[in-house]
């Protein structure tokens, strides 16, 4: 969510929603921010990767946030995806299975 806020212009919106799908909880975070370039999309879930390589950890985070989101989703049998349009914003979607045996979660 901090990425969504950081990359949205003043007056932009960040929307968080959830719904039940077919045996899964679907969580979406959508923003009206700067969006992500097509060339950057394959890398955004990599550890320590930043779209703007000139930013330091002091001004732009560690590059771990989205990697952690992906690992947490996968650890619970889920997945995360993104749809983005430069200049129009991004939507991140987390799918988490519900029900079944949760003794190992």
C-alpha atoms as a PDB file:
ATOM      1  CA  UNK A   1       0.000   0.000   0.000  1.00  0.00           C
ATOM      2  CA  UNK A   2       2.864   2.381   0.662  1.00  0.00           C
ATOM      3  CA  UNK A   3       3.963   1.995  -2.968  1.00  0.00           C
ATOM      4  CA  UNK A   4       0.440   2.865  -4.111  1.00  0.00           C
ATOM      5  CA  UNK A   5       0.410   6.009  -1.995  1.00  0.00           C
ATOM      6  CA  UNK A   6       3.977   6.973  -2.933  1.00  0.00           C
ATOM      7  CA  UNK A   7       3.333   6.690  -6.674  1.00  0.00           C
ATOM      8  CA  UNK A   8      -0.075   8.390  -6.740  1.00  0.00           C
ATOM      9  CA  UNK A   9      -0.355  12.062  -7.557  1.00  0.00           C
ATOM     10  CA  UNK A  10      -1.977  14.498  -5.125  1.00  0.00           C
ATOM     11  CA  UNK A  11      -5.717  13.971  -5.438  1.00  0.00           C
ATOM     12  CA  UNK A  12      -5.229  10.418  -6.740  1.00  0.00           C
ATOM     13  CA  UNK A  13      -6.923   7.423  -5.180  1.00  0.00           C
ATOM     14  CA  UNK A  14      -5.867   4.126  -3.653  1.00  0.00           C
ATOM     15  CA  UNK A  15      -8.648   1.552  -3.388  1.00  0.00           C
ATOM     16  CA  UNK A  16      -8.437  -1.611  -1.286  1.00  0.00           C
ATOM     17  CA  UNK A  17     -11.087  -4.254  -1.802  1.00  0.00           C
ATOM     18  CA  UNK A  18     -11.688  -7.908  -1.027  1.00  0.00           C
ATOM     19  CA  UNK A  19     -14.149 -10.520  -2.143  1.00  0.00           C
ATOM     20  CA  UNK A  20     -14.690 -14.243  -1.978  1.00  0.00           C
ATOM     21  CA  UNK A  21     -14.034 -16.112  -5.193  1.00  0.00           C
ATOM     22  CA  UNK A  22     -14.216 -19.822  -5.967  1.00  0.00           C
ATOM     23  CA  UNK A  23     -12.586 -21.203  -2.836  1.00  0.00           C
ATOM     24  CA  UNK A  24     -10.346 -18.193  -2.425  1.00  0.00           C
ATOM     25  CA  UNK A  25     -10.128 -14.758  -0.900  1.00  0.00           C
ATOM     26  CA  UNK A  26      -9.207 -12.113  -3.482  1.00  0.00           C
ATOM     27  CA  UNK A  27      -7.624  -8.886  -2.219  1.00  0.00           C
ATOM     28  CA  UNK A  28      -6.978  -5.964  -4.580  1.00  0.00           C
ATOM     29  CA  UNK A  29      -5.002  -2.777  -4.116  1.00  0.00           C
ATOM     30  CA  UNK A  30      -5.575  -0.355  -7.004  1.00  0.00           C
ATOM     31  CA  UNK A  31      -4.137   3.110  -7.490  1.00  0.00           C
ATOM     32  CA  UNK A  32      -4.365   5.959  -9.976  1.00  0.00           C
ATOM     33  CA  UNK A  33      -0.620   6.537  -9.824  1.00  0.00           C
ATOM     34  CA  UNK A  34       2.193   6.597 -12.320  1.00  0.00           C
ATOM     35  CA  UNK A  35       1.847   2.946 -13.322  1.00  0.00           C
ATOM     36  CA  UNK A  36       4.671   0.532 -14.101  1.00  0.00           C
ATOM     37  CA  UNK A  37       6.539   0.330 -17.397  1.00  0.00           C
ATOM     38  CA  UNK A  38       6.081  -2.913 -19.346  1.00  0.00           C
ATOM     39  CA  UNK A  39       9.849  -3.495 -19.201  1.00  0.00           C
ATOM     40  CA  UNK A  40       9.765  -3.293 -15.384  1.00  0.00           C
ATOM     41  CA  UNK A  41       6.789  -5.602 -14.787  1.00  0.00           C
ATOM     42  CA  UNK A  42       8.767  -8.891 -14.977  1.00  0.00           C
ATOM     43  CA  UNK A  43      11.068  -7.675 -12.187  1.00  0.00           C
ATOM     44  CA  UNK A  44       8.824  -6.018  -9.599  1.00  0.00           C
ATOM     45  CA  UNK A  45       8.520  -9.116  -7.391  1.00  0.00           C
ATOM     46  CA  UNK A  46      12.303  -9.675  -7.279  1.00  0.00           C
ATOM     47  CA  UNK A  47      14.122  -8.973  -4.011  1.00  0.00           C
ATOM     48  CA  UNK A  48      15.962  -5.638  -3.834  1.00  0.00           C
ATOM     49  CA  UNK A  49      14.711  -4.537  -7.272  1.00  0.00           C
ATOM     50  CA  UNK A  50      13.596  -0.923  -7.778  1.00  0.00           C
ATOM     51  CA  UNK A  51      12.105   0.590 -10.917  1.00  0.00           C
ATOM     52  CA  UNK A  52      14.010   3.815 -10.322  1.00  0.00           C
ATOM     53  CA  UNK A  53      17.562   2.591  -9.775  1.00  0.00           C
ATOM     54  CA  UNK A  54      18.706   6.083  -8.781  1.00  0.00           C
ATOM     55  CA  UNK A  55      16.630   5.959  -5.580  1.00  0.00           C
ATOM     56  CA  UNK A  56      18.367   4.892  -2.402  1.00  0.00           C
ATOM     57  CA  UNK A  57      16.860   3.003   0.505  1.00  0.00           C
ATOM     58  CA  UNK A  58      16.505   6.350   2.276  1.00  0.00           C
ATOM     59  CA  UNK A  59      14.251   7.770  -0.440  1.00  0.00           C
ATOM     60  CA  UNK A  60      12.587   4.727  -1.923  1.00  0.00           C
ATOM     61  CA  UNK A  61      12.482   1.693   0.329  1.00  0.00           C
ATOM     62  CA  UNK A  62      14.550  -1.471   0.319  1.00  0.00           C
ATOM     63  CA  UNK A  63      13.062  -3.148  -2.732  1.00  0.00           C
ATOM     64  CA  UNK A  64      11.750  -5.985  -0.565  1.00  0.00           C
ATOM     65  CA  UNK A  65       8.057  -5.148  -0.146  1.00  0.00           C
ATOM     66  CA  UNK A  66       6.594  -6.817  -3.223  1.00  0.00           C
ATOM     67  CA  UNK A  67       8.974  -9.785  -2.914  1.00  0.00           C
ATOM     68  CA  UNK A  68       7.683 -10.316   0.633  1.00  0.00           C
ATOM     69  CA  UNK A  69       4.063 -10.067  -0.557  1.00  0.00           C
ATOM     70  CA  UNK A  70       4.725 -12.746  -3.193  1.00  0.00           C
ATOM     71  CA  UNK A  71       6.506 -15.084  -0.738  1.00  0.00           C
ATOM     72  CA  UNK A  72       3.752 -14.717   1.881  1.00  0.00           C
ATOM     73  CA  UNK A  73       1.034 -15.413  -0.681  1.00  0.00           C
ATOM     74  CA  UNK A  74       2.911 -18.476  -1.968  1.00  0.00           C
ATOM     75  CA  UNK A  75       3.560 -19.728   1.591  1.00  0.00           C
ATOM     76  CA  UNK A  76      -0.213 -19.837   2.059  1.00  0.00           C
ATOM     77  CA  UNK A  77      -0.846 -21.573  -1.268  1.00  0.00           C
ATOM     78  CA  UNK A  78      -1.762 -18.344  -3.042  1.00  0.00           C
ATOM     79  CA  UNK A  79      -0.415 -16.065  -5.708  1.00  0.00           C
ATOM     80  CA  UNK A  80      -0.071 -12.376  -6.522  1.00  0.00           C
ATOM     81  CA  UNK A  81      -0.381 -10.587  -9.859  1.00  0.00           C
ATOM     82  CA  UNK A  82      -0.333  -7.067 -11.230  1.00  0.00           C
ATOM     83  CA  UNK A  83      -1.959  -5.202 -14.101  1.00  0.00           C
ATOM     84  CA  UNK A  84      -0.515  -1.784 -14.813  1.00  0.00           C
ATOM     85  CA  UNK A  85      -0.758   0.983 -17.350  1.00  0.00           C
ATOM     86  CA  UNK A  86       1.915   3.709 -17.372  1.00  0.00           C
ATOM     87  CA  UNK A  87       0.338   7.032 -16.503  1.00  0.00           C
ATOM     88  CA  UNK A  88      -2.923   5.429 -15.378  1.00  0.00           C
ATOM     89  CA  UNK A  89      -2.111   3.274 -12.359  1.00  0.00           C
ATOM     90  CA  UNK A  90      -1.738  -0.294 -11.166  1.00  0.00           C
ATOM     91  CA  UNK A  91      -3.853  -3.027  -9.612  1.00  0.00           C
ATOM     92  CA  UNK A  92      -2.196  -5.683  -7.460  1.00  0.00           C
ATOM     93  CA  UNK A  93      -4.269  -8.794  -6.760  1.00  0.00           C
ATOM     94  CA  UNK A  94      -3.583 -11.411  -4.086  1.00  0.00           C
ATOM     95  CA  UNK A  95      -5.409 -14.755  -4.275  1.00  0.00           C
ATOM     96  CA  UNK A  96      -5.451 -16.839  -1.069  1.00  0.00           C
ATOM     97  CA  UNK A  97      -7.166 -20.216  -0.760  1.00  0.00           C
ATOM     98  CA  UNK A  98      -9.779 -20.592   1.977  1.00  0.00           C
ATOM     99  CA  UNK A  99     -11.029 -23.668   3.779  1.00  0.00           C
ATOM    100  CA  UNK A 100      -9.333 -27.018   4.026  1.00  0.00           C
ATOM    101  CA  UNK A 101      -6.612 -27.994   6.489  1.00  0.00           C
ATOM    102  CA  UNK A 102      -4.941 -24.951   8.044  1.00  0.00           C
ATOM    103  CA  UNK A 103      -2.801 -26.836  10.567  1.00  0.00           C
ATOM    104  CA  UNK A 104       0.423 -26.005   8.671  1.00  0.00           C
ATOM    105  CA  UNK A 105      -0.378 -22.329   8.017  1.00  0.00           C
END
